[in-house]
Amino acid sequence: MSEETVPLTAGAGQPKGLLQQMEELMAALNADLSALDADLQGAGGSGRGVGEVEAG
């Protein structure tokens, strides 16, 4: 996972609002999780979903 800093100013030098910062962070997190999911799917997982327990 990459560690990136999120600038606190918008393009025109105006400070971003908290909501905008949170939306950008959530979008970055979603992209990271999607990439991780694709990696796991490509690795030939067991076919079980997250949180599922194998019956035994």
PDB file of N, CA and C in Angstrom:
ATOM      1  N   MET A   1       0.849  -1.174   0.000  1.00  0.00           N
ATOM      2  CA  MET A   1       0.000   0.000   0.000  1.00  0.00           C
ATOM      3  C   MET A   1       0.892   1.232   0.000  1.00  0.00           C
ATOM      4  N   SER A   2       0.507   2.213  -0.753  1.00  0.00           N
ATOM      5  CA  SER A   2       1.321   3.416  -0.829  1.00  0.00           C
ATOM      6  C   SER A   2       0.880   4.398   0.248  1.00  0.00           C
ATOM      7  N   GLU A   3       1.851   5.115   0.761  1.00  0.00           N
ATOM      8  CA  GLU A   3       1.553   6.160   1.729  1.00  0.00           C
ATOM      9  C   GLU A   3       1.726   7.490   1.029  1.00  0.00           C
ATOM     10  N   GLU A   4       0.623   8.213   0.899  1.00  0.00           N
ATOM     11  CA  GLU A   4       0.656   9.499   0.217  1.00  0.00           C
ATOM     12  C   GLU A   4       0.109  10.550   1.156  1.00  0.00           C
ATOM     13  N   THR A   5       0.666  11.752   1.051  1.00  0.00           N
ATOM     14  CA  THR A   5       0.131  12.849   1.839  1.00  0.00           C
ATOM     15  C   THR A   5      -0.938  13.548   1.026  1.00  0.00           C
ATOM     16  N   VAL A   6      -1.976  13.973   1.696  1.00  0.00           N
ATOM     17  CA  VAL A   6      -3.065  14.685   1.043  1.00  0.00           C
ATOM     18  C   VAL A   6      -2.852  16.166   1.281  1.00  0.00           C
ATOM     19  N   PRO A   7      -2.668  16.939   0.214  1.00  0.00           N
ATOM     20  CA  PRO A   7      -2.475  18.380   0.416  1.00  0.00           C
ATOM     21  C   PRO A   7      -3.722  19.010   1.027  1.00  0.00           C
ATOM     22  N   LEU A   8      -3.493  19.998   1.865  1.00  0.00           N
ATOM     23  CA  LEU A   8      -4.607  20.640   2.556  1.00  0.00           C
ATOM     24  C   LEU A   8      -5.154  21.845   1.813  1.00  0.00           C
ATOM     25  N   THR A   9      -4.649  22.116   0.626  1.00  0.00           N
ATOM     26  CA  THR A   9      -5.145  23.253  -0.127  1.00  0.00           C
ATOM     27  C   THR A   9      -5.648  22.798  -1.485  1.00  0.00           C
ATOM     28  N   ALA A  10      -6.646  23.478  -1.981  1.00  0.00           N
ATOM     29  CA  ALA A  10      -7.178  23.192  -3.301  1.00  0.00           C
ATOM     30  C   ALA A  10      -6.293  23.861  -4.346  1.00  0.00           C
ATOM     31  N   GLY A  11      -6.642  23.713  -5.624  1.00  0.00           N
ATOM     32  CA  GLY A  11      -5.813  24.227  -6.702  1.00  0.00           C
ATOM     33  C   GLY A  11      -5.519  25.712  -6.602  1.00  0.00           C
ATOM     34  N   ALA A  12      -6.468  26.507  -6.149  1.00  0.00           N
ATOM     35  CA  ALA A  12      -6.281  27.953  -6.100  1.00  0.00           C
ATOM     36  C   ALA A  12      -5.700  28.421  -4.771  1.00  0.00           C
ATOM     37  N   GLY A  13      -5.204  27.475  -3.964  1.00  0.00           N
ATOM     38  CA  GLY A  13      -4.619  27.859  -2.694  1.00  0.00           C
ATOM     39  C   GLY A  13      -5.628  28.028  -1.583  1.00  0.00           C
ATOM     40  N   GLN A  14      -6.887  27.694  -1.838  1.00  0.00           N
ATOM     41  CA  GLN A  14      -7.909  27.802  -0.803  1.00  0.00           C
ATOM     42  C   GLN A  14      -7.924  26.514   0.017  1.00  0.00           C
ATOM     43  N   PRO A  15      -8.114  26.633   1.321  1.00  0.00           N
ATOM     44  CA  PRO A  15      -8.159  25.416   2.140  1.00  0.00           C
ATOM     45  C   PRO A  15      -9.367  24.564   1.786  1.00  0.00           C
ATOM     46  N   LYS A  16      -9.160  23.248   1.798  1.00  0.00           N
ATOM     47  CA  LYS A  16     -10.250  22.323   1.520  1.00  0.00           C
ATOM     48  C   LYS A  16     -11.105  22.181   2.763  1.00  0.00           C
ATOM     49  N   GLY A  17     -12.364  21.889   2.526  1.00  0.00           N
ATOM     50  CA  GLY A  17     -13.252  21.596   3.634  1.00  0.00           C
ATOM     51  C   GLY A  17     -13.026  20.172   4.113  1.00  0.00           C
ATOM     52  N   LEU A  18     -13.418  19.908   5.323  1.00  0.00           N
ATOM     53  CA  LEU A  18     -13.255  18.577   5.897  1.00  0.00           C
ATOM     54  C   LEU A  18     -13.998  17.533   5.083  1.00  0.00           C
ATOM     55  N   LEU A  19     -15.187  17.863   4.613  1.00  0.00           N
ATOM     56  CA  LEU A  19     -15.974  16.917   3.821  1.00  0.00           C
ATOM     57  C   LEU A  19     -15.239  16.547   2.537  1.00  0.00           C
ATOM     58  N   GLN A  20     -14.662  17.523   1.874  1.00  0.00           N
ATOM     59  CA  GLN A  20     -13.926  17.248   0.641  1.00  0.00           C
ATOM     60  C   GLN A  20     -12.709  16.368   0.909  1.00  0.00           C
ATOM     61  N   GLN A  21     -11.998  16.641   1.995  1.00  0.00           N
ATOM     62  CA  GLN A  21     -10.849  15.810   2.363  1.00  0.00           C
ATOM     63  C   GLN A  21     -11.281  14.375   2.634  1.00  0.00           C
ATOM     64  N   MET A  22     -12.385  14.217   3.358  1.00  0.00           N
ATOM     65  CA  MET A  22     -12.871  12.875   3.678  1.00  0.00           C
ATOM     66  C   MET A  22     -13.319  12.140   2.415  1.00  0.00           C
ATOM     67  N   GLU A  23     -13.955  12.841   1.485  1.00  0.00           N
ATOM     68  CA  GLU A  23     -14.371  12.211   0.230  1.00  0.00           C
ATOM     69  C   GLU A  23     -13.167  11.725  -0.559  1.00  0.00           C
ATOM     70  N   GLU A  24     -12.120  12.529  -0.592  1.00  0.00           N
ATOM     71  CA  GLU A  24     -10.909  12.137  -1.319  1.00  0.00           C
ATOM     72  C   GLU A  24     -10.233  10.939  -0.649  1.00  0.00           C
ATOM     73  N   LEU A  25     -10.181  10.950   0.679  1.00  0.00           N
ATOM     74  CA  LEU A  25      -9.593   9.822   1.392  1.00  0.00           C
ATOM     75  C   LEU A  25     -10.406   8.550   1.183  1.00  0.00           C
ATOM     76  N   MET A  26     -11.730   8.669   1.207  1.00  0.00           N
ATOM     77  CA  MET A  26     -12.577   7.494   0.982  1.00  0.00           C
ATOM     78  C   MET A  26     -12.416   6.963  -0.439  1.00  0.00           C
ATOM     79  N   ALA A  27     -12.276   7.854  -1.412  1.00  0.00           N
ATOM     80  CA  ALA A  27     -12.062   7.422  -2.789  1.00  0.00           C
ATOM     81  C   ALA A  27     -10.732   6.692  -2.928  1.00  0.00           C
ATOM     82  N   ALA A  28      -9.695   7.202  -2.276  1.00  0.00           N
ATOM     83  CA  ALA A  28      -8.391   6.547  -2.320  1.00  0.00           C
ATOM     84  C   ALA A  28      -8.449   5.186  -1.629  1.00  0.00           C
ATOM     85  N   LEU A  29      -9.126   5.107  -0.504  1.00  0.00           N
ATOM     86  CA  LEU A  29      -9.271   3.844   0.208  1.00  0.00           C
ATOM     87  C   LEU A  29     -10.037   2.837  -0.638  1.00  0.00           C
ATOM     88  N   ASN A  30     -11.102   3.280  -1.280  1.00  0.00           N
ATOM     89  CA  ASN A  30     -11.896   2.404  -2.130  1.00  0.00           C
ATOM     90  C   ASN A  30     -11.055   1.863  -3.283  1.00  0.00           C
ATOM     91  N   ALA A  31     -10.229   2.715  -3.875  1.00  0.00           N
ATOM     92  CA  ALA A  31      -9.367   2.275  -4.967  1.00  0.00           C
ATOM     93  C   ALA A  31      -8.354   1.250  -4.474  1.00  0.00           C
ATOM     94  N   ASP A  32      -7.780   1.490  -3.297  1.00  0.00           N
ATOM     95  CA  ASP A  32      -6.823   0.539  -2.725  1.00  0.00           C
ATOM     96  C   ASP A  32      -7.489  -0.802  -2.442  1.00  0.00           C
ATOM     97  N   LEU A  33      -8.699  -0.769  -1.881  1.00  0.00           N
ATOM     98  CA  LEU A  33      -9.401  -2.008  -1.581  1.00  0.00           C
ATOM     99  C   LEU A  33      -9.794  -2.747  -2.854  1.00  0.00           C
ATOM    100  N   SER A  34     -10.171  -2.019  -3.886  1.00  0.00           N
ATOM    101  CA  SER A  34     -10.509  -2.653  -5.158  1.00  0.00           C
ATOM    102  C   SER A  34      -9.290  -3.334  -5.760  1.00  0.00           C
ATOM    103  N   ALA A  35      -8.140  -2.673  -5.685  1.00  0.00           N
ATOM    104  CA  ALA A  35      -6.903  -3.267  -6.205  1.00  0.00           C
ATOM    105  C   ALA A  35      -6.526  -4.502  -5.396  1.00  0.00           C
ATOM    106  N   LEU A  36      -6.683  -4.447  -4.079  1.00  0.00           N
ATOM    107  CA  LEU A  36      -6.387  -5.598  -3.236  1.00  0.00           C
ATOM    108  C   LEU A  36      -7.320  -6.750  -3.560  1.00  0.00           C
ATOM    109  N   ASP A  37      -8.593  -6.455  -3.750  1.00  0.00           N
ATOM    110  CA  ASP A  37      -9.562  -7.486  -4.100  1.00  0.00           C
ATOM    111  C   ASP A  37      -9.193  -8.139  -5.425  1.00  0.00           C
ATOM    112  N   ALA A  38      -8.805  -7.338  -6.402  1.00  0.00           N
ATOM    113  CA  ALA A  38      -8.403  -7.883  -7.701  1.00  0.00           C
ATOM    114  C   ALA A  38      -7.162  -8.764  -7.555  1.00  0.00           C
ATOM    115  N   ASP A  39      -6.220  -8.344  -6.736  1.00  0.00           N
ATOM    116  CA  ASP A  39      -5.015  -9.150  -6.502  1.00  0.00           C
ATOM    117  C   ASP A  39      -5.377 -10.486  -5.863  1.00  0.00           C
ATOM    118  N   LEU A  40      -6.266 -10.441  -4.870  1.00  0.00           N
ATOM    119  CA  LEU A  40      -6.652 -11.671  -4.187  1.00  0.00           C
ATOM    120  C   LEU A  40      -7.440 -12.600  -5.106  1.00  0.00           C
ATOM    121  N   GLN A  41      -8.313 -12.032  -5.917  1.00  0.00           N
ATOM    122  CA  GLN A  41      -9.082 -12.851  -6.857  1.00  0.00           C
ATOM    123  C   GLN A  41      -8.152 -13.503  -7.873  1.00  0.00           C
ATOM    124  N   GLY A  42      -7.150 -12.765  -8.314  1.00  0.00           N
ATOM    125  CA  GLY A  42      -6.206 -13.284  -9.289  1.00  0.00           C
ATOM    126  C   GLY A  42      -5.266 -14.318  -8.702  1.00  0.00           C
ATOM    127  N   ALA A  43      -5.129 -14.322  -7.374  1.00  0.00           N
ATOM    128  CA  ALA A  43      -4.230 -15.265  -6.727  1.00  0.00           C
ATOM    129  C   ALA A  43      -4.880 -16.630  -6.533  1.00  0.00           C
ATOM    130  N   GLY A  44      -6.117 -16.782  -6.997  1.00  0.00           N
ATOM    131  CA  GLY A  44      -6.793 -18.068  -6.875  1.00  0.00           C
ATOM    132  C   GLY A  44      -7.216 -18.370  -5.460  1.00  0.00           C
ATOM    133  N   GLY A  45      -8.008 -17.483  -4.891  1.00  0.00           N
ATOM    134  CA  GLY A  45      -8.475 -17.664  -3.526  1.00  0.00           C
ATOM    135  C   GLY A  45      -9.335 -18.905  -3.397  1.00  0.00           C
ATOM    136  N   SER A  46      -9.737 -19.222  -2.184  1.00  0.00           N
ATOM    137  CA  SER A  46     -10.490 -20.440  -1.897  1.00  0.00           C
ATOM    138  C   SER A  46     -11.937 -20.339  -2.355  1.00  0.00           C
ATOM    139  N   GLY A  47     -12.389 -19.146  -2.739  1.00  0.00           N
ATOM    140  CA  GLY A  47     -13.771 -18.983  -3.167  1.00  0.00           C
ATOM    141  C   GLY A  47     -14.695 -18.556  -2.039  1.00  0.00           C
ATOM    142  N   ARG A  48     -14.187 -18.526  -0.812  1.00  0.00           N
ATOM    143  CA  ARG A  48     -15.004 -18.075   0.316  1.00  0.00           C
ATOM    144  C   ARG A  48     -14.965 -16.564   0.386  1.00  0.00           C
ATOM    145  N   GLY A  49     -16.059 -15.979   0.836  1.00  0.00           N
ATOM    146  CA  GLY A  49     -16.107 -14.541   1.009  1.00  0.00           C
ATOM    147  C   GLY A  49     -15.468 -14.117   2.304  1.00  0.00           C
ATOM    148  N   VAL A  50     -15.302 -12.846   2.490  1.00  0.00           N
ATOM    149  CA  VAL A  50     -14.720 -12.320   3.717  1.00  0.00           C
ATOM    150  C   VAL A  50     -15.647 -12.627   4.877  1.00  0.00           C
ATOM    151  N   GLY A  51     -15.101 -13.172   5.932  1.00  0.00           N
ATOM    152  CA  GLY A  51     -15.892 -13.443   7.116  1.00  0.00           C
ATOM    153  C   GLY A  51     -16.548 -14.801   7.113  1.00  0.00           C
ATOM    154  N   GLU A  52     -16.531 -15.530   6.014  1.00  0.00           N
ATOM    155  CA  GLU A  52     -17.133 -16.849   5.973  1.00  0.00           C
ATOM    156  C   GLU A  52     -16.187 -17.860   6.593  1.00  0.00           C
ATOM    157  N   VAL A  53     -16.774 -18.825   7.288  1.00  0.00           N
ATOM    158  CA  VAL A  53     -15.984 -19.840   7.973  1.00  0.00           C
ATOM    159  C   VAL A  53     -16.219 -21.185   7.281  1.00  0.00           C
ATOM    160  N   GLU A  54     -15.132 -21.918   7.099  1.00  0.00           N
ATOM    161  CA  GLU A  54     -15.249 -23.233   6.465  1.00  0.00           C
ATOM    162  C   GLU A  54     -15.923 -24.200   7.437  1.00  0.00           C
ATOM    163  N   ALA A  55     -16.949 -24.903   6.940  1.00  0.00           N
ATOM    164  CA  ALA A  55     -17.646 -25.878   7.780  1.00  0.00           C
ATOM    165  C   ALA A  55     -16.732 -27.061   8.037  1.00  0.00           C
ATOM    166  N   GLY A  56     -16.743 -27.561   9.266  1.00  0.00           N
ATOM    167  CA  GLY A  56     -15.785 -28.589   9.463  1.00  0.00           C
ATOM    168  C   GLY A  56     -16.089 -29.594  10.438  1.00  0.00           C
TER     169      GLY A  56
END
